[in-house]
Amino acid sequence: MKRFHGLMMVLALLAGAAPVPAQEEIASVTAGELNDPAPDGLRPGGTLADTRPAPEIAGEPRGSERKVRGWPEQPPVIPHSIRGYQLDKRYNQCLSCHSRNAAPQVGAPMVSVTHFMDREGQVRAAVTPGRYFCTQCHVPQTDTEALVENEFKSADEVIMGEGGQAQ
């Protein structure tokens, strides 16, 4: 190990880079440095050495009604709980209700035709791999407060402008 470290030091010096610290130097980081306070982000407090509990999962969806989309092409939110749903490369539980065959029987909206198009725009018989993992775009509707304040306006609010008239 020491021979390898010596070789790395020589290579670093030849390359003009700062020398690589020895394993002992890395291990000698004091507990004080690990306990320096971290800046508050969306989750407050903590240090590098501090393990804090994750915040509770947001509340379950309020109802099963569909929400109005905030902008054109926004993926619709999922109006029901998906906790415990299997969604992996072997099985997509969402398709048990939202597939082309099951949707009419169950009364669920069918997956959009865009989910059957590949990168070249060719329509395929099954949901394409790029659209297979629903939660990449669709999120469950939750009963929670916004993490940060924002001044988001829906497309209709932007079009109508300040005075309530179309611009």
Protein backbone atom coordinates (compact mmCIF):
# COMPACT_ATOMS: atom_id res chain seq x y z
CA MET A 1 0.00 0.00 0.00
CA LYS A 2 2.84 2.39 0.89
CA ARG A 3 4.56 1.61 -2.42
CA PHE A 4 1.32 2.41 -4.30
CA HIS A 5 0.89 5.68 -2.39
CA GLY A 6 4.49 6.66 -3.15
CA LEU A 7 3.90 5.99 -6.84
CA MET A 8 0.75 8.13 -6.76
CA MET A 9 2.69 10.98 -5.11
CA VAL A 10 5.38 10.84 -7.85
CA LEU A 11 2.75 10.80 -10.62
CA ALA A 12 0.90 13.72 -9.01
CA LEU A 13 4.08 15.76 -8.75
CA LEU A 14 5.01 15.01 -12.37
CA ALA A 15 1.54 16.05 -13.50
CA GLY A 16 1.80 19.27 -11.51
CA ALA A 17 -1.16 18.37 -9.31
CA ALA A 18 -1.42 18.62 -5.57
CA PRO A 19 -0.05 15.53 -3.82
CA VAL A 20 -2.51 12.79 -2.90
CA PRO A 21 -3.01 12.63 0.90
CA ALA A 22 -1.96 9.45 2.67
CA GLN A 23 -4.61 7.10 4.06
CA GLU A 24 -3.56 8.08 7.60
CA GLU A 25 -4.09 11.75 6.76
CA ILE A 26 -7.57 11.06 5.44
CA ALA A 27 -8.48 9.05 8.54
CA SER A 28 -7.24 11.82 10.85
CA VAL A 29 -10.10 14.19 10.07
CA THR A 30 -11.21 15.43 13.45
CA ALA A 31 -14.68 14.94 14.79
CA GLY A 32 -14.95 18.72 15.06
CA GLU A 33 -14.71 19.11 11.27
CA LEU A 34 -17.45 16.54 10.77
CA ASN A 35 -19.67 18.31 13.31
CA ASP A 36 -19.38 21.77 11.76
CA PRO A 37 -22.92 23.06 11.14
CA ALA A 38 -24.35 22.58 7.68
CA PRO A 39 -26.42 25.24 5.92
CA ASP A 40 -30.18 24.92 6.17
CA GLY A 41 -31.83 23.78 2.98
CA LEU A 42 -35.23 22.20 2.54
CA ARG A 43 -34.37 20.02 5.54
CA PRO A 44 -33.04 22.12 8.43
CA GLY A 45 -29.82 21.62 10.37
CA GLY A 46 -27.55 18.67 10.67
CA THR A 47 -23.85 18.01 10.19
CA LEU A 48 -21.82 15.58 8.11
CA ALA A 49 -21.65 13.15 11.04
CA ASP A 50 -25.28 13.67 12.09
CA THR A 51 -27.93 11.26 10.87
CA ARG A 52 -31.35 12.86 11.02
CA PRO A 53 -34.74 11.21 10.50
CA ALA A 54 -36.41 11.76 7.15
CA PRO A 55 -39.54 13.91 7.14
CA GLU A 56 -42.83 12.08 7.20
CA ILE A 57 -44.33 11.09 3.87
CA ALA A 58 -46.92 13.61 2.71
CA GLY A 59 -50.58 12.89 3.30
CA GLU A 60 -52.58 10.60 1.08
CA PRO A 61 -54.49 12.10 -1.85
CA ARG A 62 -57.59 14.03 -0.82
CA GLY A 63 -59.89 12.51 -3.37
CA SER A 64 -59.91 10.75 -6.68
CA GLU A 65 -61.03 13.75 -8.74
CA ARG A 66 -58.78 14.85 -11.58
CA LYS A 67 -56.87 18.08 -11.06
CA VAL A 68 -56.69 20.83 -13.67
CA ARG A 69 -53.23 21.00 -15.24
CA GLY A 70 -51.19 24.16 -14.59
CA TRP A 71 -49.69 24.38 -18.09
CA PRO A 72 -50.08 22.68 -21.49
CA GLU A 73 -48.35 19.31 -21.73
CA GLN A 74 -48.11 18.97 -17.92
CA PRO A 75 -48.21 15.28 -16.98
CA PRO A 76 -51.38 14.71 -14.96
CA VAL A 77 -50.96 13.96 -11.27
CA ILE A 78 -51.95 10.55 -9.92
CA PRO A 79 -55.20 11.10 -7.95
CA HIS A 80 -54.87 7.94 -5.84
CA SER A 81 -52.33 6.34 -3.54
CA ILE A 82 -49.63 4.25 -5.22
CA ARG A 83 -47.92 3.22 -1.98
CA GLY A 84 -46.85 -0.40 -2.35
CA TYR A 85 -47.29 -0.47 -6.14
CA GLN A 86 -44.77 -2.64 -7.99
CA LEU A 87 -43.06 -0.54 -10.65
CA ASP A 88 -39.85 -2.12 -11.90
CA LYS A 89 -38.40 -3.59 -15.07
CA ARG A 90 -40.38 -6.81 -14.60
CA TYR A 91 -43.83 -5.39 -13.84
CA ASN A 92 -45.67 -2.07 -13.98
CA GLN A 93 -48.74 -2.22 -11.74
CA CYS A 94 -50.09 1.04 -13.22
CA LEU A 95 -50.73 -0.78 -16.50
CA SER A 96 -53.04 -3.26 -14.77
CA CYS A 97 -55.69 -0.48 -14.86
CA HIS A 98 -54.38 2.06 -17.40
CA SER A 99 -53.37 -0.24 -20.27
CA ARG A 100 -55.21 -0.19 -23.57
CA ASN A 101 -57.09 -3.41 -22.72
CA ALA A 102 -57.88 -2.81 -19.03
CA ALA A 103 -58.83 0.90 -19.03
CA PRO A 104 -62.34 0.56 -20.54
CA GLN A 105 -63.24 -2.29 -18.17
CA VAL A 106 -61.93 -0.55 -15.04
CA GLY A 107 -63.01 2.98 -15.97
CA ALA A 108 -59.51 4.41 -15.67
CA PRO A 109 -58.01 6.75 -18.27
CA MET A 110 -55.94 4.90 -20.85
CA VAL A 111 -52.24 5.63 -21.18
CA SER A 112 -51.74 8.39 -23.76
CA VAL A 113 -50.85 7.34 -27.31
CA THR A 114 -47.58 9.27 -26.87
CA HIS A 115 -46.48 6.55 -24.43
CA PHE A 116 -46.51 4.06 -27.31
CA MET A 117 -44.23 6.15 -29.55
CA ASP A 118 -40.52 5.47 -29.75
CA ARG A 119 -37.81 8.10 -30.29
CA GLU A 120 -38.40 8.14 -34.03
CA GLY A 121 -42.15 8.69 -33.61
CA GLN A 122 -43.09 5.14 -34.62
CA VAL A 123 -46.15 3.82 -32.77
CA ARG A 124 -45.45 0.50 -31.05
CA ALA A 125 -47.79 -2.18 -29.67
CA ALA A 126 -46.62 -1.75 -26.06
CA VAL A 127 -45.57 1.16 -23.87
CA THR A 128 -42.05 2.13 -24.94
CA PRO A 129 -39.16 1.83 -22.46
CA GLY A 130 -38.74 5.61 -22.25
CA ARG A 131 -42.32 5.96 -20.96
CA TYR A 132 -42.56 2.72 -18.95
CA PHE A 133 -41.67 4.13 -15.51
CA CYS A 134 -44.72 6.31 -14.82
CA THR A 135 -43.33 8.10 -11.77
CA GLN A 136 -40.57 9.71 -13.85
CA CYS A 137 -43.20 12.26 -14.91
CA HIS A 138 -46.39 11.57 -12.95
CA VAL A 139 -46.48 12.22 -9.20
CA PRO A 140 -49.13 11.28 -6.65
CA GLN A 141 -51.38 14.13 -5.62
CA THR A 142 -50.76 14.82 -1.94
CA ASP A 143 -52.27 16.85 0.84
CA THR A 144 -49.25 18.93 1.83
CA GLU A 145 -47.96 22.47 2.01
CA ALA A 146 -45.45 23.78 -0.54
CA LEU A 147 -41.82 23.37 0.55
CA VAL A 148 -40.88 26.82 -0.74
CA GLU A 149 -42.96 29.87 -1.54
CA ASN A 150 -43.46 30.57 -5.23
CA GLU A 151 -45.41 32.84 -7.53
CA PHE A 152 -46.41 30.19 -10.08
CA LYS A 153 -49.26 31.18 -12.39
CA SER A 154 -51.18 28.73 -14.51
CA ALA A 155 -51.21 29.14 -18.28
CA ASP A 156 -54.74 30.59 -18.09
CA GLU A 157 -53.66 33.17 -15.50
CA VAL A 158 -50.73 34.23 -17.68
CA ILE A 159 -52.95 34.51 -20.77
CA MET A 160 -55.62 36.49 -18.91
CA GLY A 161 -53.03 38.89 -17.41
CA GLU A 162 -53.46 41.27 -14.51
CA GLY A 163 -56.81 42.80 -15.51
CA GLY A 164 -58.56 39.53 -16.28
CA GLN A 165 -58.53 40.21 -20.02
CA ALA A 166 -56.81 38.08 -22.66
CA GLN A 167 -53.56 39.69 -23.77
